[in-house]
């Protein structure tokens, strides 16, 4: 699940297994796509870390590179 941002160039999707660190490491190893565990960018604030269980995707590269990364991520998630 991911919400479309109103005006940012980052996406914060939830990861299937809830472990952003493990997801990011496996994604990089298998698909050569780098994302950042969301937990690294948040802090515990009463209700827990808002980035836990998510990763941050940066949409800074050219659109073609973002599309290619999105296809690789989808393939990775679908394969499990």
N, C-alpha and C. Protein backbone atom coordinates (compact mmCIF):
# COMPACT_ATOMS: atom_id res chain seq x y z
N UNK A 1 0.83 -1.21 0.00
CA UNK A 1 0.00 0.00 0.00
C UNK A 1 0.86 1.26 0.00
N UNK A 2 0.45 2.25 -0.77
CA UNK A 2 1.17 3.53 -0.82
C UNK A 2 0.18 4.63 -1.18
N UNK A 3 0.34 5.78 -0.55
CA UNK A 3 -0.49 6.93 -0.87
C UNK A 3 0.24 7.82 -1.86
N UNK A 4 -0.50 8.37 -2.81
CA UNK A 4 0.10 9.30 -3.77
C UNK A 4 0.38 10.62 -3.05
N UNK A 5 1.63 11.09 -3.09
CA UNK A 5 1.94 12.34 -2.39
C UNK A 5 1.34 13.55 -3.10
N UNK A 6 1.00 14.56 -2.33
CA UNK A 6 0.42 15.78 -2.90
C UNK A 6 1.45 16.60 -3.67
N UNK A 7 2.70 16.55 -3.24
CA UNK A 7 3.69 17.37 -3.91
C UNK A 7 5.11 17.01 -3.54
N UNK A 8 5.41 15.76 -3.42
CA UNK A 8 6.76 15.33 -3.04
C UNK A 8 7.31 14.39 -4.11
N UNK A 9 8.56 14.07 -3.99
CA UNK A 9 9.14 13.12 -4.93
C UNK A 9 9.61 11.85 -4.22
N UNK A 10 8.96 11.54 -3.12
CA UNK A 10 9.22 10.30 -2.39
C UNK A 10 7.92 9.52 -2.24
N UNK A 11 8.03 8.20 -2.25
CA UNK A 11 6.92 7.32 -1.93
C UNK A 11 7.33 6.52 -0.70
N UNK A 12 6.35 6.17 0.13
CA UNK A 12 6.60 5.45 1.38
C UNK A 12 5.74 4.19 1.41
N UNK A 13 5.98 3.22 0.53
CA UNK A 13 5.13 2.02 0.54
C UNK A 13 5.41 1.11 1.73
N UNK A 14 4.36 0.46 2.17
CA UNK A 14 4.50 -0.59 3.19
C UNK A 14 5.14 -1.80 2.52
N UNK A 15 5.95 -2.52 3.27
CA UNK A 15 6.59 -3.73 2.73
C UNK A 15 5.78 -4.95 3.15
N UNK A 16 5.75 -5.97 2.29
CA UNK A 16 4.90 -7.14 2.56
C UNK A 16 5.13 -7.81 3.91
N UNK A 17 6.37 -7.94 4.33
CA UNK A 17 6.63 -8.67 5.58
C UNK A 17 6.80 -7.75 6.78
N UNK A 18 6.70 -6.44 6.58
CA UNK A 18 6.80 -5.49 7.67
C UNK A 18 8.22 -5.15 8.12
N UNK A 19 9.23 -5.73 7.48
CA UNK A 19 10.62 -5.49 7.86
C UNK A 19 11.32 -4.71 6.74
N UNK A 20 11.34 -3.39 6.88
CA UNK A 20 11.91 -2.53 5.86
C UNK A 20 13.38 -2.78 5.60
N UNK A 21 14.14 -3.07 6.66
CA UNK A 21 15.57 -3.33 6.48
C UNK A 21 15.82 -4.59 5.65
N UNK A 22 15.14 -5.67 6.01
CA UNK A 22 15.32 -6.92 5.27
C UNK A 22 14.84 -6.78 3.84
N UNK A 23 13.70 -6.10 3.65
CA UNK A 23 13.17 -5.89 2.31
C UNK A 23 14.17 -5.12 1.45
N UNK A 24 14.72 -4.03 1.99
CA UNK A 24 15.68 -3.21 1.24
C UNK A 24 16.93 -4.01 0.87
N UNK A 25 17.43 -4.82 1.80
CA UNK A 25 18.63 -5.62 1.52
C UNK A 25 18.36 -6.67 0.44
N UNK A 26 17.23 -7.36 0.55
CA UNK A 26 16.90 -8.39 -0.46
C UNK A 26 16.63 -7.77 -1.83
N UNK A 27 15.93 -6.64 -1.86
CA UNK A 27 15.64 -5.97 -3.12
C UNK A 27 16.93 -5.56 -3.82
N UNK A 28 17.86 -5.03 -3.06
CA UNK A 28 19.13 -4.61 -3.66
C UNK A 28 19.92 -5.82 -4.16
N UNK A 29 19.95 -6.86 -3.38
CA UNK A 29 20.72 -8.06 -3.77
C UNK A 29 20.12 -8.75 -4.99
N UNK A 30 18.81 -8.79 -5.08
CA UNK A 30 18.15 -9.55 -6.16
C UNK A 30 17.85 -8.71 -7.40
N UNK A 31 17.54 -7.43 -7.21
CA UNK A 31 17.10 -6.61 -8.34
C UNK A 31 17.98 -5.38 -8.58
N UNK A 32 18.99 -5.18 -7.76
CA UNK A 32 19.88 -4.03 -7.90
C UNK A 32 19.12 -2.70 -7.85
N UNK A 33 18.14 -2.63 -6.98
CA UNK A 33 17.38 -1.40 -6.74
C UNK A 33 17.59 -1.02 -5.28
N UNK A 34 18.03 0.22 -5.06
CA UNK A 34 18.29 0.68 -3.71
C UNK A 34 17.12 1.52 -3.19
N UNK A 35 16.63 1.15 -2.03
CA UNK A 35 15.62 1.92 -1.30
C UNK A 35 16.12 2.05 0.13
N UNK A 36 15.53 2.96 0.86
CA UNK A 36 15.96 3.19 2.24
C UNK A 36 14.88 2.71 3.21
N UNK A 37 15.25 1.92 4.20
CA UNK A 37 14.25 1.52 5.19
C UNK A 37 13.63 2.76 5.84
N UNK A 38 12.33 2.83 5.89
CA UNK A 38 11.64 3.99 6.44
C UNK A 38 11.96 4.26 7.90
N UNK A 39 12.26 3.20 8.63
CA UNK A 39 12.60 3.33 10.05
C UNK A 39 13.82 4.22 10.26
N UNK A 40 14.72 4.27 9.27
CA UNK A 40 15.92 5.09 9.38
C UNK A 40 15.59 6.59 9.35
N UNK A 41 14.45 6.94 8.80
CA UNK A 41 14.11 8.35 8.61
C UNK A 41 13.06 8.86 9.59
N UNK A 42 12.55 7.98 10.41
CA UNK A 42 11.57 8.37 11.41
C UNK A 42 12.14 8.22 12.80
N UNK A 43 11.38 8.60 13.77
CA UNK A 43 11.80 8.39 15.15
C UNK A 43 10.58 8.01 15.96
N UNK A 44 10.82 7.29 17.01
CA UNK A 44 9.72 6.89 17.87
C UNK A 44 9.07 8.13 18.47
N UNK A 45 7.76 8.22 18.32
CA UNK A 45 7.04 9.39 18.81
C UNK A 45 5.74 8.96 19.48
N UNK A 46 5.84 8.31 20.59
CA UNK A 46 4.65 7.91 21.32
C UNK A 46 3.95 6.71 20.72
N UNK A 47 3.52 6.82 19.48
CA UNK A 47 2.81 5.73 18.80
C UNK A 47 3.76 4.84 18.00
N UNK A 48 5.06 5.00 18.20
CA UNK A 48 6.05 4.20 17.47
C UNK A 48 6.65 4.99 16.32
N UNK A 49 7.52 4.35 15.59
CA UNK A 49 8.21 4.97 14.47
C UNK A 49 7.30 4.93 13.23
N UNK A 50 6.93 6.07 12.68
CA UNK A 50 6.01 6.08 11.54
C UNK A 50 6.60 5.45 10.27
N UNK A 51 7.93 5.33 10.21
CA UNK A 51 8.56 4.72 9.04
C UNK A 51 8.72 3.22 9.15
N UNK A 52 8.46 2.65 10.31
CA UNK A 52 8.62 1.21 10.50
C UNK A 52 7.68 0.45 9.57
N UNK A 53 8.19 -0.59 8.96
CA UNK A 53 7.38 -1.41 8.06
C UNK A 53 7.22 -0.81 6.67
N UNK A 54 7.99 0.23 6.38
CA UNK A 54 7.93 0.90 5.08
C UNK A 54 9.34 1.11 4.55
N UNK A 55 9.42 1.45 3.28
CA UNK A 55 10.67 1.89 2.68
C UNK A 55 10.40 3.23 1.99
N UNK A 56 11.45 3.99 1.78
CA UNK A 56 11.31 5.25 1.05
C UNK A 56 11.88 5.07 -0.34
N UNK A 57 11.06 5.38 -1.32
CA UNK A 57 11.48 5.36 -2.72
C UNK A 57 11.63 6.79 -3.18
N UNK A 58 12.77 7.12 -3.74
CA UNK A 58 13.02 8.46 -4.24
C UNK A 58 12.77 8.48 -5.75
N UNK A 59 11.95 9.41 -6.20
CA UNK A 59 11.64 9.53 -7.62
C UNK A 59 12.45 10.65 -8.25
N UNK A 60 13.74 10.68 -7.97
CA UNK A 60 14.63 11.72 -8.46
C UNK A 60 15.22 11.40 -9.84
N UNK A 61 15.53 10.14 -10.15
CA UNK A 61 16.10 9.85 -11.46
C UNK A 61 15.13 10.19 -12.60
N UNK A 62 15.63 10.10 -13.81
CA UNK A 62 14.80 10.32 -15.00
C UNK A 62 13.59 9.39 -14.95
N UNK A 63 12.47 9.79 -15.54
CA UNK A 63 11.26 8.94 -15.53
C UNK A 63 11.50 7.52 -16.03
N UNK A 64 12.30 7.34 -17.04
CA UNK A 64 12.56 5.99 -17.56
C UNK A 64 13.24 5.11 -16.51
N UNK A 65 14.16 5.68 -15.76
CA UNK A 65 14.84 4.92 -14.70
C UNK A 65 13.87 4.60 -13.57
N UNK A 66 12.98 5.52 -13.24
CA UNK A 66 11.97 5.27 -12.19
C UNK A 66 11.03 4.15 -12.63
N UNK A 67 10.62 4.16 -13.89
CA UNK A 67 9.74 3.09 -14.40
C UNK A 67 10.44 1.74 -14.34
N UNK A 68 11.71 1.71 -14.75
CA UNK A 68 12.47 0.46 -14.72
C UNK A 68 12.58 -0.06 -13.29
N UNK A 69 12.88 0.82 -12.36
CA UNK A 69 12.97 0.41 -10.94
C UNK A 69 11.62 -0.10 -10.45
N UNK A 70 10.53 0.58 -10.83
CA UNK A 70 9.20 0.14 -10.42
C UNK A 70 8.89 -1.26 -10.94
N UNK A 71 9.27 -1.54 -12.17
CA UNK A 71 9.05 -2.88 -12.73
C UNK A 71 9.86 -3.93 -11.97
N UNK A 72 11.09 -3.59 -11.62
CA UNK A 72 11.93 -4.52 -10.85
C UNK A 72 11.35 -4.76 -9.46
N UNK A 73 10.86 -3.70 -8.84
CA UNK A 73 10.26 -3.84 -7.50
C UNK A 73 9.01 -4.72 -7.59
N UNK A 74 8.17 -4.47 -8.57
CA UNK A 74 6.96 -5.28 -8.72
C UNK A 74 7.31 -6.74 -8.92
N UNK A 75 8.29 -7.01 -9.79
CA UNK A 75 8.71 -8.40 -10.02
C UNK A 75 9.21 -9.04 -8.73
N UNK A 76 9.99 -8.30 -7.96
CA UNK A 76 10.52 -8.79 -6.70
C UNK A 76 9.39 -9.13 -5.72
N UNK A 77 8.42 -8.22 -5.59
CA UNK A 77 7.31 -8.44 -4.65
C UNK A 77 6.45 -9.61 -5.11
N UNK A 78 6.19 -9.72 -6.40
CA UNK A 78 5.35 -10.81 -6.91
C UNK A 78 6.01 -12.17 -6.73
N UNK A 79 7.32 -12.22 -6.84
CA UNK A 79 8.04 -13.50 -6.66
C UNK A 79 8.14 -13.91 -5.19
N UNK A 80 8.05 -12.92 -4.31
CA UNK A 80 8.11 -13.23 -2.88
C UNK A 80 9.45 -13.36 -2.38
